[in-house]
Amino acid sequence: MNQDKVEHWAFGFVLSLGVFFNPWLFVIGVAFAIGKEVYDMKHGKFDVFDIMATMVGVFCAVSLVRLIS
């Protein structure tokens, strides 16, 4: 796994970890995943695996919060 995918996962995880306090952070995590790749597409660096890595981070954060609460 390369550093870029780890960073995408971590950002999705950290951004969505606060879903316990604010459910909209899940939506923000998803929006970031898609928005970042739309931005990258305009610069010729689109990678669907970046979206997937961010979404896995979002899913892990939401799962952890649900498990704890």
N, C-alpha and C. Protein backbone atom coordinates (compact mmCIF):
# COMPACT_ATOMS: atom_id res chain seq x y z
N MET A 1 0.86 -1.18 0.00
CA MET A 1 0.00 0.00 0.00
C MET A 1 0.90 1.24 0.00
N ASN A 2 0.60 2.17 -0.88
CA ASN A 2 1.47 3.34 -0.94
C ASN A 2 1.00 4.44 0.00
N GLN A 3 1.86 5.40 0.19
CA GLN A 3 1.62 6.48 1.15
C GLN A 3 0.37 7.29 0.80
N ASP A 4 0.11 7.49 -0.48
CA ASP A 4 -1.07 8.27 -0.90
C ASP A 4 -2.36 7.61 -0.42
N LYS A 5 -2.46 6.30 -0.55
CA LYS A 5 -3.68 5.60 -0.13
C LYS A 5 -3.83 5.64 1.39
N VAL A 6 -2.72 5.54 2.10
CA VAL A 6 -2.75 5.63 3.57
C VAL A 6 -3.25 7.01 3.98
N GLU A 7 -2.79 8.05 3.30
CA GLU A 7 -3.23 9.40 3.62
C GLU A 7 -4.72 9.58 3.33
N HIS A 8 -5.20 9.03 2.22
CA HIS A 8 -6.62 9.10 1.91
C HIS A 8 -7.44 8.38 2.98
N TRP A 9 -6.98 7.17 3.38
CA TRP A 9 -7.68 6.41 4.42
C TRP A 9 -7.72 7.21 5.72
N ALA A 10 -6.57 7.73 6.11
CA ALA A 10 -6.47 8.46 7.38
C ALA A 10 -7.35 9.70 7.38
N PHE A 11 -7.38 10.43 6.28
CA PHE A 11 -8.19 11.64 6.24
C PHE A 11 -9.67 11.28 6.33
N GLY A 12 -10.09 10.25 5.59
CA GLY A 12 -11.49 9.81 5.67
C GLY A 12 -11.84 9.35 7.08
N PHE A 13 -10.92 8.64 7.72
CA PHE A 13 -11.15 8.13 9.07
C PHE A 13 -11.27 9.27 10.07
N VAL A 14 -10.30 10.17 10.07
CA VAL A 14 -10.28 11.27 11.04
C VAL A 14 -11.48 12.20 10.82
N LEU A 15 -11.77 12.51 9.57
CA LEU A 15 -12.88 13.41 9.28
C LEU A 15 -14.20 12.82 9.73
N SER A 16 -14.38 11.52 9.56
CA SER A 16 -15.65 10.89 9.89
C SER A 16 -15.70 10.36 11.32
N LEU A 17 -14.61 10.35 12.03
CA LEU A 17 -14.59 9.86 13.40
C LEU A 17 -15.51 10.67 14.29
N GLY A 18 -15.68 11.92 14.00
CA GLY A 18 -16.56 12.79 14.78
C GLY A 18 -18.03 12.56 14.53
N VAL A 19 -18.38 11.53 13.75
CA VAL A 19 -19.79 11.25 13.46
C VAL A 19 -20.57 10.98 14.74
N PHE A 20 -19.87 10.59 15.80
CA PHE A 20 -20.51 10.37 17.09
C PHE A 20 -21.11 11.68 17.61
N PHE A 21 -20.44 12.78 17.32
CA PHE A 21 -20.88 14.08 17.78
C PHE A 21 -21.75 14.80 16.75
N ASN A 22 -21.48 14.54 15.47
CA ASN A 22 -22.21 15.23 14.41
C ASN A 22 -22.37 14.29 13.21
N PRO A 23 -23.58 13.77 12.97
CA PRO A 23 -23.79 12.82 11.88
C PRO A 23 -23.42 13.37 10.50
N TRP A 24 -23.38 14.68 10.35
CA TRP A 24 -23.03 15.26 9.05
C TRP A 24 -21.57 15.03 8.68
N LEU A 25 -20.73 14.66 9.64
CA LEU A 25 -19.33 14.41 9.31
C LEU A 25 -19.18 13.20 8.40
N PHE A 26 -20.12 12.28 8.45
CA PHE A 26 -20.12 11.15 7.50
C PHE A 26 -20.29 11.68 6.08
N VAL A 27 -21.25 12.57 5.91
CA VAL A 27 -21.52 13.16 4.59
C VAL A 27 -20.32 13.96 4.11
N ILE A 28 -19.70 14.69 5.02
CA ILE A 28 -18.52 15.48 4.66
C ILE A 28 -17.39 14.55 4.22
N GLY A 29 -17.22 13.42 4.90
CA GLY A 29 -16.19 12.46 4.51
C GLY A 29 -16.42 11.92 3.10
N VAL A 30 -17.65 11.58 2.78
CA VAL A 30 -18.00 11.09 1.45
C VAL A 30 -17.80 12.20 0.41
N ALA A 31 -18.25 13.40 0.74
CA ALA A 31 -18.10 14.53 -0.19
C ALA A 31 -16.63 14.83 -0.46
N PHE A 32 -15.80 14.73 0.57
CA PHE A 32 -14.38 14.95 0.38
C PHE A 32 -13.79 13.91 -0.56
N ALA A 33 -14.16 12.65 -0.36
CA ALA A 33 -13.62 11.58 -1.20
C ALA A 33 -13.91 11.83 -2.67
N ILE A 34 -15.12 12.22 -2.97
CA ILE A 34 -15.50 12.46 -4.36
C ILE A 34 -14.93 13.79 -4.86
N GLY A 35 -15.05 14.82 -4.04
CA GLY A 35 -14.57 16.14 -4.44
C GLY A 35 -13.08 16.18 -4.73
N LYS A 36 -12.30 15.51 -3.92
CA LYS A 36 -10.84 15.48 -4.12
C LYS A 36 -10.51 14.84 -5.45
N GLU A 37 -11.20 13.79 -5.82
CA GLU A 37 -10.90 13.14 -7.09
C GLU A 37 -11.43 13.93 -8.29
N VAL A 38 -12.50 14.67 -8.12
CA VAL A 38 -12.96 15.57 -9.19
C VAL A 38 -11.88 16.62 -9.43
N TYR A 39 -11.33 17.15 -8.35
CA TYR A 39 -10.23 18.11 -8.45
C TYR A 39 -9.04 17.47 -9.17
N ASP A 40 -8.68 16.25 -8.75
CA ASP A 40 -7.55 15.55 -9.36
C ASP A 40 -7.81 15.25 -10.84
N MET A 41 -9.06 14.96 -11.20
CA MET A 41 -9.39 14.66 -12.58
C MET A 41 -9.07 15.86 -13.48
N LYS A 42 -9.31 17.05 -12.97
CA LYS A 42 -9.03 18.26 -13.75
C LYS A 42 -7.53 18.47 -13.94
N HIS A 43 -6.72 17.83 -13.10
CA HIS A 43 -5.27 17.96 -13.19
C HIS A 43 -4.62 16.68 -13.71
N GLY A 44 -5.43 15.77 -14.26
CA GLY A 44 -4.91 14.56 -14.89
C GLY A 44 -4.41 13.49 -13.93
N LYS A 45 -4.88 13.51 -12.68
CA LYS A 45 -4.38 12.53 -11.70
C LYS A 45 -5.51 11.72 -11.06
N PHE A 46 -6.62 11.53 -11.76
CA PHE A 46 -7.76 10.81 -11.20
C PHE A 46 -7.39 9.37 -10.88
N ASP A 47 -7.81 8.89 -9.72
CA ASP A 47 -7.56 7.50 -9.32
C ASP A 47 -8.75 7.02 -8.49
N VAL A 48 -9.50 6.09 -9.05
CA VAL A 48 -10.68 5.58 -8.36
C VAL A 48 -10.29 4.90 -7.04
N PHE A 49 -9.08 4.40 -6.95
CA PHE A 49 -8.64 3.75 -5.71
C PHE A 49 -8.44 4.76 -4.57
N ASP A 50 -8.21 6.03 -4.92
CA ASP A 50 -8.15 7.06 -3.88
C ASP A 50 -9.53 7.25 -3.25
N ILE A 51 -10.58 7.24 -4.08
CA ILE A 51 -11.94 7.34 -3.56
C ILE A 51 -12.22 6.14 -2.65
N MET A 52 -11.84 4.96 -3.11
CA MET A 52 -12.08 3.76 -2.31
C MET A 52 -11.33 3.81 -0.99
N ALA A 53 -10.09 4.27 -1.01
CA ALA A 53 -9.29 4.34 0.23
C ALA A 53 -9.93 5.31 1.22
N THR A 54 -10.40 6.46 0.73
CA THR A 54 -11.05 7.43 1.61
C THR A 54 -12.35 6.85 2.16
N MET A 55 -13.13 6.17 1.31
CA MET A 55 -14.39 5.59 1.75
C MET A 55 -14.18 4.47 2.78
N VAL A 56 -13.12 3.71 2.64
CA VAL A 56 -12.81 2.68 3.64
C VAL A 56 -12.50 3.34 4.98
N GLY A 57 -11.78 4.45 4.94
CA GLY A 57 -11.52 5.20 6.18
C GLY A 57 -12.80 5.71 6.81
N VAL A 58 -13.72 6.23 5.99
CA VAL A 58 -15.02 6.69 6.48
C VAL A 58 -15.78 5.52 7.10
N PHE A 59 -15.82 4.40 6.41
CA PHE A 59 -16.53 3.22 6.90
C PHE A 59 -15.93 2.72 8.22
N CYS A 60 -14.61 2.69 8.32
CA CYS A 60 -13.97 2.25 9.56
C CYS A 60 -14.32 3.17 10.73
N ALA A 61 -14.31 4.46 10.49
CA ALA A 61 -14.64 5.42 11.56
C ALA A 61 -16.08 5.27 12.02
N VAL A 62 -17.00 5.18 11.06
CA VAL A 62 -18.41 5.05 11.41
C VAL A 62 -18.65 3.72 12.13
N SER A 63 -18.00 2.66 11.68
CA SER A 63 -18.13 1.35 12.33
C SER A 63 -17.61 1.39 13.76
N LEU A 64 -16.47 2.03 13.95
CA LEU A 64 -15.89 2.14 15.28
C LEU A 64 -16.81 2.91 16.22
N VAL A 65 -17.35 4.01 15.74
CA VAL A 65 -18.26 4.82 16.57
C VAL A 65 -19.50 4.02 16.91
N ARG A 66 -20.05 3.29 15.94
CA ARG A 66 -21.25 2.48 16.21
C ARG A 66 -20.93 1.36 17.19
N LEU A 67 -19.73 0.78 17.10
CA LEU A 67 -19.33 -0.29 17.99
C LEU A 67 -19.20 0.23 19.43
N ILE A 68 -18.65 1.42 19.58
CA ILE A 68 -18.45 2.01 20.90
C ILE A 68 -19.75 2.44 21.54
N SER A 69 -20.65 2.99 20.73
CA SER A 69 -21.90 3.53 21.30
C SER A 69 -23.01 2.56 21.28
